[in-house]
All heavy atoms as atom14 arrays in JSON, in Angstrom:
{
  "sequence": "WGAGGWIAMLAMMFFGLLVLAGFVLLFVWLVRSASGGAGGGRGYGRHD",
  "atom14_mask": [
    [1, 1, 1, 1, 1, 1, 1, 1, 1, 1, 1, 1, 1, 1],
    [1, 1, 1, 1, 0, 0, 0, 0, 0, 0, 0, 0, 0, 0],
    [1, 1, 1, 1, 1, 0, 0, 0, 0, 0, 0, 0, 0, 0],
    [1, 1, 1, 1, 0, 0, 0, 0, 0, 0, 0, 0, 0, 0],
    [1, 1, 1, 1, 0, 0, 0, 0, 0, 0, 0, 0, 0, 0],
    [1, 1, 1, 1, 1, 1, 1, 1, 1, 1, 1, 1, 1, 1],
    [1, 1, 1, 1, 1, 1, 1, 1, 0, 0, 0, 0, 0, 0],
    [1, 1, 1, 1, 1, 0, 0, 0, 0, 0, 0, 0, 0, 0],
    [1, 1, 1, 1, 1, 1, 1, 1, 0, 0, 0, 0, 0, 0],
    [1, 1, 1, 1, 1, 1, 1, 1, 0, 0, 0, 0, 0, 0],
    [1, 1, 1, 1, 1, 0, 0, 0, 0, 0, 0, 0, 0, 0],
    [1, 1, 1, 1, 1, 1, 1, 1, 0, 0, 0, 0, 0, 0],
    [1, 1, 1, 1, 1, 1, 1, 1, 0, 0, 0, 0, 0, 0],
    [1, 1, 1, 1, 1, 1, 1, 1, 1, 1, 1, 0, 0, 0],
    [1, 1, 1, 1, 1, 1, 1, 1, 1, 1, 1, 0, 0, 0],
    [1, 1, 1, 1, 0, 0, 0, 0, 0, 0, 0, 0, 0, 0],
    [1, 1, 1, 1, 1, 1, 1, 1, 0, 0, 0, 0, 0, 0],
    [1, 1, 1, 1, 1, 1, 1, 1, 0, 0, 0, 0, 0, 0],
    [1, 1, 1, 1, 1, 1, 1, 0, 0, 0, 0, 0, 0, 0],
    [1, 1, 1, 1, 1, 1, 1, 1, 0, 0, 0, 0, 0, 0],
    [1, 1, 1, 1, 1, 0, 0, 0, 0, 0, 0, 0, 0, 0],
    [1, 1, 1, 1, 0, 0, 0, 0, 0, 0, 0, 0, 0, 0],
    [1, 1, 1, 1, 1, 1, 1, 1, 1, 1, 1, 0, 0, 0],
    [1, 1, 1, 1, 1, 1, 1, 0, 0, 0, 0, 0, 0, 0],
    [1, 1, 1, 1, 1, 1, 1, 1, 0, 0, 0, 0, 0, 0],
    [1, 1, 1, 1, 1, 1, 1, 1, 0, 0, 0, 0, 0, 0],
    [1, 1, 1, 1, 1, 1, 1, 1, 1, 1, 1, 0, 0, 0],
    [1, 1, 1, 1, 1, 1, 1, 0, 0, 0, 0, 0, 0, 0],
    [1, 1, 1, 1, 1, 1, 1, 1, 1, 1, 1, 1, 1, 1],
    [1, 1, 1, 1, 1, 1, 1, 1, 0, 0, 0, 0, 0, 0],
    [1, 1, 1, 1, 1, 1, 1, 0, 0, 0, 0, 0, 0, 0],
    [1, 1, 1, 1, 1, 1, 1, 1, 1, 1, 1, 0, 0, 0],
    [1, 1, 1, 1, 1, 1, 0, 0, 0, 0, 0, 0, 0, 0],
    [1, 1, 1, 1, 1, 0, 0, 0, 0, 0, 0, 0, 0, 0],
    [1, 1, 1, 1, 1, 1, 0, 0, 0, 0, 0, 0, 0, 0],
    [1, 1, 1, 1, 0, 0, 0, 0, 0, 0, 0, 0, 0, 0],
    [1, 1, 1, 1, 0, 0, 0, 0, 0, 0, 0, 0, 0, 0],
    [1, 1, 1, 1, 1, 0, 0, 0, 0, 0, 0, 0, 0, 0],
    [1, 1, 1, 1, 0, 0, 0, 0, 0, 0, 0, 0, 0, 0],
    [1, 1, 1, 1, 0, 0, 0, 0, 0, 0, 0, 0, 0, 0],
    [1, 1, 1, 1, 0, 0, 0, 0, 0, 0, 0, 0, 0, 0],
    [1, 1, 1, 1, 1, 1, 1, 1, 1, 1, 1, 0, 0, 0],
    [1, 1, 1, 1, 0, 0, 0, 0, 0, 0, 0, 0, 0, 0],
    [1, 1, 1, 1, 1, 1, 1, 1, 1, 1, 1, 1, 0, 0],
    [1, 1, 1, 1, 0, 0, 0, 0, 0, 0, 0, 0, 0, 0],
    [1, 1, 1, 1, 1, 1, 1, 1, 1, 1, 1, 0, 0, 0],
    [1, 1, 1, 1, 1, 1, 1, 1, 1, 1, 0, 0, 0, 0],
    [1, 1, 1, 1, 1, 1, 1, 1, 0, 0, 0, 0, 0, 0]
  ],
  "atom14_positions": [
    [[60.28, -114.95, -93.93], [61.12, -115.32, -92.77], [62.25, -116.2, -93.23], [62.57, -117.14, -92.58], [60.3, -116.0, -91.64], [59.26, -115.13, -91.12], [57.91, -115.23, -91.37], [59.4, -114.02, -90.29], [57.28, -114.21, -90.79], [58.14, -113.48, -90.04], [60.54, -113.42, -89.67], [57.93, -112.33, -89.29], [60.31, -112.29, -88.88], [59.02, -111.77, -88.67]],
    [[62.81, -115.76, -94.34], [63.94, -116.54, -94.95], [65.2, -116.44, -94.06], [65.14, -116.13, -92.9], [0.0, 0.0, 0.0], [0.0, 0.0, 0.0], [0.0, 0.0, 0.0], [0.0, 0.0, 0.0], [0.0, 0.0, 0.0], [0.0, 0.0, 0.0], [0.0, 0.0, 0.0], [0.0, 0.0, 0.0], [0.0, 0.0, 0.0], [0.0, 0.0, 0.0]],
    [[66.29, -116.77, -94.66], [67.57, -116.94, -93.95], [67.96, -115.69, -93.18], [68.66, -115.82, -92.16], [68.64, -117.39, -94.91], [0.0, 0.0, 0.0], [0.0, 0.0, 0.0], [0.0, 0.0, 0.0], [0.0, 0.0, 0.0], [0.0, 0.0, 0.0], [0.0, 0.0, 0.0], [0.0, 0.0, 0.0], [0.0, 0.0, 0.0], [0.0, 0.0, 0.0]],
    [[67.68, -114.5, -93.66], [68.13, -113.26, -93.0], [66.98, -112.4, -92.58], [67.25, -111.28, -92.06], [0.0, 0.0, 0.0], [0.0, 0.0, 0.0], [0.0, 0.0, 0.0], [0.0, 0.0, 0.0], [0.0, 0.0, 0.0], [0.0, 0.0, 0.0], [0.0, 0.0, 0.0], [0.0, 0.0, 0.0], [0.0, 0.0, 0.0], [0.0, 0.0, 0.0]],
    [[65.8, -112.8, -92.68], [64.65, -111.97, -92.33], [64.6, -111.6, -90.91], [64.23, -110.46, -90.54], [0.0, 0.0, 0.0], [0.0, 0.0, 0.0], [0.0, 0.0, 0.0], [0.0, 0.0, 0.0], [0.0, 0.0, 0.0], [0.0, 0.0, 0.0], [0.0, 0.0, 0.0], [0.0, 0.0, 0.0], [0.0, 0.0, 0.0], [0.0, 0.0, 0.0]],
    [[64.84, -112.56, -90.01], [64.76, -112.29, -88.63], [65.88, -111.33, -88.13], [65.67, -110.52, -87.23], [64.79, -113.56, -87.79], [66.04, -114.31, -87.92], [66.37, -115.23, -88.86], [67.17, -114.24, -87.05], [67.62, -115.71, -88.65], [68.17, -115.15, -87.56], [67.47, -113.53, -85.9], [69.38, -115.29, -86.94], [68.69, -113.68, -85.31], [69.58, -114.53, -85.82]],
    [[67.01, -111.36, -88.86], [68.08, -110.41, -88.53], [67.69, -108.96, -88.93], [67.88, -108.05, -88.15], [69.37, -110.83, -89.2], [69.88, -112.15, -88.68], [70.47, -109.8, -88.98], [71.04, -112.74, -89.4], [0.0, 0.0, 0.0], [0.0, 0.0, 0.0], [0.0, 0.0, 0.0], [0.0, 0.0, 0.0], [0.0, 0.0, 0.0], [0.0, 0.0, 0.0]],
    [[67.05, -108.87, -90.07], [66.56, -107.52, -90.49], [65.5, -107.01, -89.51], [65.5, -105.79, -89.19], [66.08, -107.6, -91.9], [0.0, 0.0, 0.0], [0.0, 0.0, 0.0], [0.0, 0.0, 0.0], [0.0, 0.0, 0.0], [0.0, 0.0, 0.0], [0.0, 0.0, 0.0], [0.0, 0.0, 0.0], [0.0, 0.0, 0.0], [0.0, 0.0, 0.0]],
    [[64.6, -107.92, -89.11], [63.54, -107.51, -88.19], [64.14, -107.04, -86.88], [63.8, -105.99, -86.3], [62.61, -108.67, -87.96], [61.51, -108.27, -86.96], [60.5, -109.67, -86.41], [61.71, -110.62, -85.47], [0.0, 0.0, 0.0], [0.0, 0.0, 0.0], [0.0, 0.0, 0.0], [0.0, 0.0, 0.0], [0.0, 0.0, 0.0], [0.0, 0.0, 0.0]],
    [[65.11, -107.72, -86.28], [65.77, -107.36, -85.07], [66.52, -106.04, -85.17], [66.48, -105.2, -84.31], [66.69, -108.43, -84.58], [66.02, -109.7, -84.01], [67.06, -110.76, -83.63], [65.12, -109.37, -82.77], [0.0, 0.0, 0.0], [0.0, 0.0, 0.0], [0.0, 0.0, 0.0], [0.0, 0.0, 0.0], [0.0, 0.0, 0.0], [0.0, 0.0, 0.0]],
    [[67.17, -105.88, -86.37], [67.89, -104.6, -86.53], [66.95, -103.41, -86.62], [67.24, -102.37, -86.09], [68.72, -104.74, -87.87], [0.0, 0.0, 0.0], [0.0, 0.0, 0.0], [0.0, 0.0, 0.0], [0.0, 0.0, 0.0], [0.0, 0.0, 0.0], [0.0, 0.0, 0.0], [0.0, 0.0, 0.0], [0.0, 0.0, 0.0], [0.0, 0.0, 0.0]],
    [[65.81, -103.61, -87.32], [64.85, -102.5, -87.43], [64.22, -102.19, -86.02], [64.07, -101.01, -85.65], [63.72, -102.84, -88.42], [64.18, -102.75, -89.84], [62.84, -102.97, -91.01], [62.57, -104.74, -90.95], [0.0, 0.0, 0.0], [0.0, 0.0, 0.0], [0.0, 0.0, 0.0], [0.0, 0.0, 0.0], [0.0, 0.0, 0.0], [0.0, 0.0, 0.0]],
    [[63.98, -103.19, -85.23], [63.48, -102.99, -83.92], [64.51, -102.31, -83.02], [64.18, -101.36, -82.27], [63.08, -104.32, -83.23], [61.85, -104.94, -83.75], [61.41, -106.56, -83.16], [61.52, -106.3, -81.39], [0.0, 0.0, 0.0], [0.0, 0.0, 0.0], [0.0, 0.0, 0.0], [0.0, 0.0, 0.0], [0.0, 0.0, 0.0], [0.0, 0.0, 0.0]],
    [[65.75, -102.69, -83.09], [66.82, -102.03, -82.33], [66.96, -100.57, -82.69], [67.04, -99.75, -81.77], [68.16, -102.83, -82.59], [69.32, -102.16, -81.91], [69.48, -102.33, -80.57], [70.26, -101.48, -82.67], [70.61, -101.72, -79.9], [71.37, -100.9, -82.01], [71.58, -101.0, -80.66], [0.0, 0.0, 0.0], [0.0, 0.0, 0.0], [0.0, 0.0, 0.0]],
    [[67.01, -100.26, -83.95], [67.18, -98.89, -84.36], [65.89, -98.05, -84.08], [66.0, -96.88, -83.7], [67.57, -98.8, -85.85], [68.95, -99.19, -86.05], [69.24, -100.29, -86.87], [70.02, -98.56, -85.51], [70.53, -100.7, -87.12], [71.35, -98.96, -85.72], [71.58, -100.07, -86.56], [0.0, 0.0, 0.0], [0.0, 0.0, 0.0], [0.0, 0.0, 0.0]],
    [[64.79, -98.7, -84.12], [63.56, -98.01, -83.69], [63.56, -97.64, -82.27], [63.18, -96.58, -81.84], [0.0, 0.0, 0.0], [0.0, 0.0, 0.0], [0.0, 0.0, 0.0], [0.0, 0.0, 0.0], [0.0, 0.0, 0.0], [0.0, 0.0, 0.0], [0.0, 0.0, 0.0], [0.0, 0.0, 0.0], [0.0, 0.0, 0.0], [0.0, 0.0, 0.0]],
    [[64.06, -98.62, -81.41], [64.19, -98.29, -79.94], [65.21, -97.19, -79.67], [65.05, -96.42, -78.82], [64.5, -99.56, -79.22], [63.43, -100.62, -79.08], [63.88, -101.91, -78.43], [62.22, -100.04, -78.31], [0.0, 0.0, 0.0], [0.0, 0.0, 0.0], [0.0, 0.0, 0.0], [0.0, 0.0, 0.0], [0.0, 0.0, 0.0], [0.0, 0.0, 0.0]],
    [[66.3, -97.18, -80.44], [67.24, -96.15, -80.3], [66.71, -94.77, -80.65], [66.96, -93.79, -79.93], [68.5, -96.41, -81.25], [69.49, -97.38, -80.71], [70.58, -97.55, -81.75], [70.06, -96.98, -79.43], [0.0, 0.0, 0.0], [0.0, 0.0, 0.0], [0.0, 0.0, 0.0], [0.0, 0.0, 0.0], [0.0, 0.0, 0.0], [0.0, 0.0, 0.0]],
    [[65.87, -94.71, -81.68], [65.27, -93.44, -82.02], [64.27, -93.02, -80.95], [64.2, -91.86, -80.55], [64.53, -93.58, -83.42], [63.64, -92.38, -83.72], [65.6, -93.75, -84.56], [0.0, 0.0, 0.0], [0.0, 0.0, 0.0], [0.0, 0.0, 0.0], [0.0, 0.0, 0.0], [0.0, 0.0, 0.0], [0.0, 0.0, 0.0], [0.0, 0.0, 0.0]],
    [[63.49, -93.97, -80.46], [62.55, -93.65, -79.38], [63.27, -93.15, -78.14], [62.89, -92.17, -77.51], [61.71, -94.87, -79.02], [60.65, -94.74, -77.93], [59.61, -93.69, -78.33], [60.05, -96.09, -77.61], [0.0, 0.0, 0.0], [0.0, 0.0, 0.0], [0.0, 0.0, 0.0], [0.0, 0.0, 0.0], [0.0, 0.0, 0.0], [0.0, 0.0, 0.0]],
    [[64.38, -93.84, -77.76], [65.16, -93.41, -76.59], [65.76, -92.04, -76.82], [65.82, -91.21, -75.88], [66.27, -94.42, -76.26], [0.0, 0.0, 0.0], [0.0, 0.0, 0.0], [0.0, 0.0, 0.0], [0.0, 0.0, 0.0], [0.0, 0.0, 0.0], [0.0, 0.0, 0.0], [0.0, 0.0, 0.0], [0.0, 0.0, 0.0], [0.0, 0.0, 0.0]],
    [[66.17, -91.67, -78.02], [66.68, -90.39, -78.34], [65.6, -89.3, -78.14], [65.9, -88.25, -77.57], [0.0, 0.0, 0.0], [0.0, 0.0, 0.0], [0.0, 0.0, 0.0], [0.0, 0.0, 0.0], [0.0, 0.0, 0.0], [0.0, 0.0, 0.0], [0.0, 0.0, 0.0], [0.0, 0.0, 0.0], [0.0, 0.0, 0.0], [0.0, 0.0, 0.0]],
    [[64.38, -89.58, -78.53], [63.29, -88.68, -78.39], [63.03, -88.41, -76.86], [62.76, -87.34, -76.41], [62.04, -89.05, -79.15], [62.04, -88.74, -80.58], [61.89, -89.71, -81.52], [62.25, -87.42, -81.01], [61.93, -89.44, -82.89], [62.3, -87.15, -82.36], [62.12, -88.15, -83.33], [0.0, 0.0, 0.0], [0.0, 0.0, 0.0], [0.0, 0.0, 0.0]],
    [[63.02, -89.52, -76.12], [62.76, -89.43, -74.69], [63.84, -88.6, -74.01], [63.56, -87.69, -73.21], [62.61, -90.81, -74.03], [62.6, -90.74, -72.55], [61.35, -91.53, -74.56], [0.0, 0.0, 0.0], [0.0, 0.0, 0.0], [0.0, 0.0, 0.0], [0.0, 0.0, 0.0], [0.0, 0.0, 0.0], [0.0, 0.0, 0.0], [0.0, 0.0, 0.0]],
    [[65.08, -88.85, -74.34], [66.2, -88.07, -73.71], [66.13, -86.61, -74.15], [66.41, -85.77, -73.35], [67.54, -88.73, -74.1], [67.85, -90.07, -73.52], [69.11, -90.63, -74.07], [67.95, -89.92, -71.99], [0.0, 0.0, 0.0], [0.0, 0.0, 0.0], [0.0, 0.0, 0.0], [0.0, 0.0, 0.0], [0.0, 0.0, 0.0], [0.0, 0.0, 0.0]],
    [[65.8, -86.32, -75.35], [65.63, -84.97, -75.86], [64.49, -84.24, -75.06], [64.7, -83.13, -74.59], [65.31, -84.91, -77.34], [65.12, -83.56, -77.96], [66.35, -82.71, -77.88], [64.6, -83.69, -79.42], [0.0, 0.0, 0.0], [0.0, 0.0, 0.0], [0.0, 0.0, 0.0], [0.0, 0.0, 0.0], [0.0, 0.0, 0.0], [0.0, 0.0, 0.0]],
    [[63.39, -84.93, -74.88], [62.3, -84.33, -74.07], [62.69, -84.07, -72.66], [62.41, -82.96, -72.1], [61.11, -85.27, -74.12], [59.96, -84.83, -73.29], [59.13, -83.8, -73.8], [59.67, -85.38, -72.12], [58.05, -83.3, -73.07], [58.59, -84.95, -71.3], [57.83, -83.91, -71.82], [0.0, 0.0, 0.0], [0.0, 0.0, 0.0], [0.0, 0.0, 0.0]],
    [[63.44, -84.99, -72.01], [63.89, -84.82, -70.6], [64.84, -83.66, -70.56], [64.78, -82.8, -69.67], [64.49, -86.1, -70.11], [65.23, -85.88, -68.8], [63.45, -87.22, -69.94], [0.0, 0.0, 0.0], [0.0, 0.0, 0.0], [0.0, 0.0, 0.0], [0.0, 0.0, 0.0], [0.0, 0.0, 0.0], [0.0, 0.0, 0.0], [0.0, 0.0, 0.0]],
    [[65.73, -83.55, -71.55], [66.69, -82.44, -71.52], [66.02, -81.09, -71.67], [66.37, -80.16, -70.98], [67.74, -82.69, -72.65], [68.72, -81.56, -72.76], [69.79, -81.31, -71.97], [68.68, -80.48, -73.74], [70.43, -80.2, -72.41], [69.81, -79.7, -73.48], [67.86, -80.24, -74.79], [70.08, -78.58, -74.23], [68.11, -79.11, -75.52], [69.2, -78.31, -75.27]],
    [[65.05, -81.04, -72.57], [64.29, -79.82, -72.83], [63.52, -79.4, -71.55], [63.54, -78.24, -71.23], [63.35, -79.95, -73.97], [63.96, -79.99, -75.35], [62.95, -80.3, -76.42], [64.67, -78.67, -75.67], [0.0, 0.0, 0.0], [0.0, 0.0, 0.0], [0.0, 0.0, 0.0], [0.0, 0.0, 0.0], [0.0, 0.0, 0.0], [0.0, 0.0, 0.0]],
    [[62.91, -80.34, -70.83], [62.14, -80.02, -69.67], [63.06, -79.53, -68.57], [62.79, -78.57, -67.87], [61.3, -81.28, -69.18], [60.71, -80.99, -67.77], [60.19, -81.5, -70.2], [0.0, 0.0, 0.0], [0.0, 0.0, 0.0], [0.0, 0.0, 0.0], [0.0, 0.0, 0.0], [0.0, 0.0, 0.0], [0.0, 0.0, 0.0], [0.0, 0.0, 0.0]],
    [[64.2, -80.26, -68.37], [65.16, -79.89, -67.32], [65.8, -78.52, -67.64], [65.98, -77.69, -66.64], [66.24, -80.95, -67.11], [65.65, -82.2, -66.51], [66.69, -83.21, -66.33], [67.4, -82.84, -65.06], [68.37, -83.52, -64.55], [68.84, -84.61, -65.16], [68.96, -83.15, -63.45], [0.0, 0.0, 0.0], [0.0, 0.0, 0.0], [0.0, 0.0, 0.0]],
    [[66.13, -78.22, -68.84], [66.72, -76.94, -69.14], [65.71, -75.8, -69.02], [66.06, -74.67, -68.65], [67.4, -76.95, -70.49], [66.43, -77.21, -71.53], [0.0, 0.0, 0.0], [0.0, 0.0, 0.0], [0.0, 0.0, 0.0], [0.0, 0.0, 0.0], [0.0, 0.0, 0.0], [0.0, 0.0, 0.0], [0.0, 0.0, 0.0], [0.0, 0.0, 0.0]],
    [[64.45, -76.09, -69.32], [63.45, -75.06, -69.2], [63.11, -74.77, -67.73], [62.69, -73.67, -67.37], [62.19, -75.46, -69.95], [0.0, 0.0, 0.0], [0.0, 0.0, 0.0], [0.0, 0.0, 0.0], [0.0, 0.0, 0.0], [0.0, 0.0, 0.0], [0.0, 0.0, 0.0], [0.0, 0.0, 0.0], [0.0, 0.0, 0.0], [0.0, 0.0, 0.0]],
    [[63.28, -75.78, -66.83], [62.95, -75.58, -65.44], [64.12, -75.17, -64.64], [64.01, -75.12, -63.4], [62.35, -76.84, -64.85], [63.29, -77.86, -64.83], [0.0, 0.0, 0.0], [0.0, 0.0, 0.0], [0.0, 0.0, 0.0], [0.0, 0.0, 0.0], [0.0, 0.0, 0.0], [0.0, 0.0, 0.0], [0.0, 0.0, 0.0], [0.0, 0.0, 0.0]],
    [[65.24, -74.9, -65.22], [66.42, -74.41, -64.48], [67.37, -75.45, -64.07], [68.18, -75.3, -63.2], [0.0, 0.0, 0.0], [0.0, 0.0, 0.0], [0.0, 0.0, 0.0], [0.0, 0.0, 0.0], [0.0, 0.0, 0.0], [0.0, 0.0, 0.0], [0.0, 0.0, 0.0], [0.0, 0.0, 0.0], [0.0, 0.0, 0.0], [0.0, 0.0, 0.0]],
    [[67.34, -76.64, -64.68], [68.33, -77.68, -64.39], [67.93, -78.56, -63.23], [66.89, -78.44, -62.59], [0.0, 0.0, 0.0], [0.0, 0.0, 0.0], [0.0, 0.0, 0.0], [0.0, 0.0, 0.0], [0.0, 0.0, 0.0], [0.0, 0.0, 0.0], [0.0, 0.0, 0.0], [0.0, 0.0, 0.0], [0.0, 0.0, 0.0], [0.0, 0.0, 0.0]],
    [[68.81, -79.46, -62.86], [68.56, -80.38, -61.75], [68.73, -79.65, -60.45], [69.36, -78.67, -60.26], [69.53, -81.57, -61.82], [0.0, 0.0, 0.0], [0.0, 0.0, 0.0], [0.0, 0.0, 0.0], [0.0, 0.0, 0.0], [0.0, 0.0, 0.0], [0.0, 0.0, 0.0], [0.0, 0.0, 0.0], [0.0, 0.0, 0.0], [0.0, 0.0, 0.0]],
    [[68.17, -80.21, -59.38], [68.35, -79.67, -58.05], [67.38, -78.55, -57.72], [67.65, -77.72, -56.91], [0.0, 0.0, 0.0], [0.0, 0.0, 0.0], [0.0, 0.0, 0.0], [0.0, 0.0, 0.0], [0.0, 0.0, 0.0], [0.0, 0.0, 0.0], [0.0, 0.0, 0.0], [0.0, 0.0, 0.0], [0.0, 0.0, 0.0], [0.0, 0.0, 0.0]],
    [[66.21, -78.48, -58.35], [65.26, -77.47, -58.03], [65.63, -76.09, -58.43], [65.26, -75.15, -57.78], [0.0, 0.0, 0.0], [0.0, 0.0, 0.0], [0.0, 0.0, 0.0], [0.0, 0.0, 0.0], [0.0, 0.0, 0.0], [0.0, 0.0, 0.0], [0.0, 0.0, 0.0], [0.0, 0.0, 0.0], [0.0, 0.0, 0.0], [0.0, 0.0, 0.0]],
    [[66.42, -75.91, -59.42], [66.75, -74.53, -59.92], [67.97, -73.96, -59.24], [68.28, -72.8, -59.45], [0.0, 0.0, 0.0], [0.0, 0.0, 0.0], [0.0, 0.0, 0.0], [0.0, 0.0, 0.0], [0.0, 0.0, 0.0], [0.0, 0.0, 0.0], [0.0, 0.0, 0.0], [0.0, 0.0, 0.0], [0.0, 0.0, 0.0], [0.0, 0.0, 0.0]],
    [[68.72, -74.72, -58.47], [69.88, -74.22, -57.79], [71.11, -74.85, -58.42], [71.89, -75.48, -57.7], [69.89, -74.47, -56.34], [69.0, -73.57, -55.55], [69.32, -73.72, -54.11], [68.29, -73.08, -53.27], [68.16, -73.24, -52.02], [68.99, -73.99, -51.38], [67.23, -72.57, -51.38], [0.0, 0.0, 0.0], [0.0, 0.0, 0.0], [0.0, 0.0, 0.0]],
    [[71.3, -74.78, -59.69], [72.39, -75.39, -60.4], [73.65, -74.57, -60.22], [73.71, -73.51, -59.6], [0.0, 0.0, 0.0], [0.0, 0.0, 0.0], [0.0, 0.0, 0.0], [0.0, 0.0, 0.0], [0.0, 0.0, 0.0], [0.0, 0.0, 0.0], [0.0, 0.0, 0.0], [0.0, 0.0, 0.0], [0.0, 0.0, 0.0], [0.0, 0.0, 0.0]],
    [[74.72, -75.14, -60.72], [76.04, -74.46, -60.62], [75.97, -73.11, -61.26], [75.49, -72.96, -62.36], [77.1, -75.35, -61.31], [78.48, -74.72, -61.32], [79.2, -74.69, -60.18], [78.97, -74.15, -62.49], [80.46, -74.16, -60.12], [80.24, -73.57, -62.45], [80.96, -73.56, -61.32], [82.18, -72.98, -61.29], [0.0, 0.0, 0.0], [0.0, 0.0, 0.0]],
    [[76.51, -72.12, -60.63], [76.57, -70.79, -61.13], [75.32, -70.0, -60.98], [75.21, -68.86, -61.46], [0.0, 0.0, 0.0], [0.0, 0.0, 0.0], [0.0, 0.0, 0.0], [0.0, 0.0, 0.0], [0.0, 0.0, 0.0], [0.0, 0.0, 0.0], [0.0, 0.0, 0.0], [0.0, 0.0, 0.0], [0.0, 0.0, 0.0], [0.0, 0.0, 0.0]],
    [[74.33, -70.51, -60.31], [73.1, -69.76, -60.12], [73.18, -68.86, -58.84], [73.77, -69.22, -57.88], [71.93, -70.72, -60.03], [71.73, -71.53, -61.27], [70.29, -71.91, -61.37], [70.05, -72.58, -62.61], [69.48, -71.99, -63.66], [69.08, -70.73, -63.55], [69.26, -72.59, -64.79], [0.0, 0.0, 0.0], [0.0, 0.0, 0.0], [0.0, 0.0, 0.0]],
    [[72.45, -67.79, -58.93], [72.46, -66.88, -57.78], [71.39, -67.31, -56.84], [70.26, -67.56, -57.19], [72.11, -65.45, -58.32], [72.19, -64.46, -57.26], [73.29, -64.02, -56.69], [71.16, -63.74, -56.67], [73.01, -63.07, -55.74], [71.7, -62.91, -55.74], [0.0, 0.0, 0.0], [0.0, 0.0, 0.0], [0.0, 0.0, 0.0], [0.0, 0.0, 0.0]],
    [[71.8, -67.41, -55.53], [70.87, -67.83, -54.54], [70.48, -66.63, -53.65], [71.32, -66.12, -52.87], [71.5, -68.94, -53.67], [70.55, -69.62, -52.76], [69.34, -69.26, -52.76], [70.95, -70.6, -52.1], [0.0, 0.0, 0.0], [0.0, 0.0, 0.0], [0.0, 0.0, 0.0], [0.0, 0.0, 0.0], [0.0, 0.0, 0.0], [0.0, 0.0, 0.0]]
  ]
}
């Protein structure tokens, strides 16, 4: 825990959280695109 150890630890935690958030957003995008988008499948350009 020298002069810069806590900075490196915070940076690794920050980038780890960014990677985790990226995976969550990718999962949400995949689920929404597989289910027909937002709005229960009545997205823009869809035939009703």
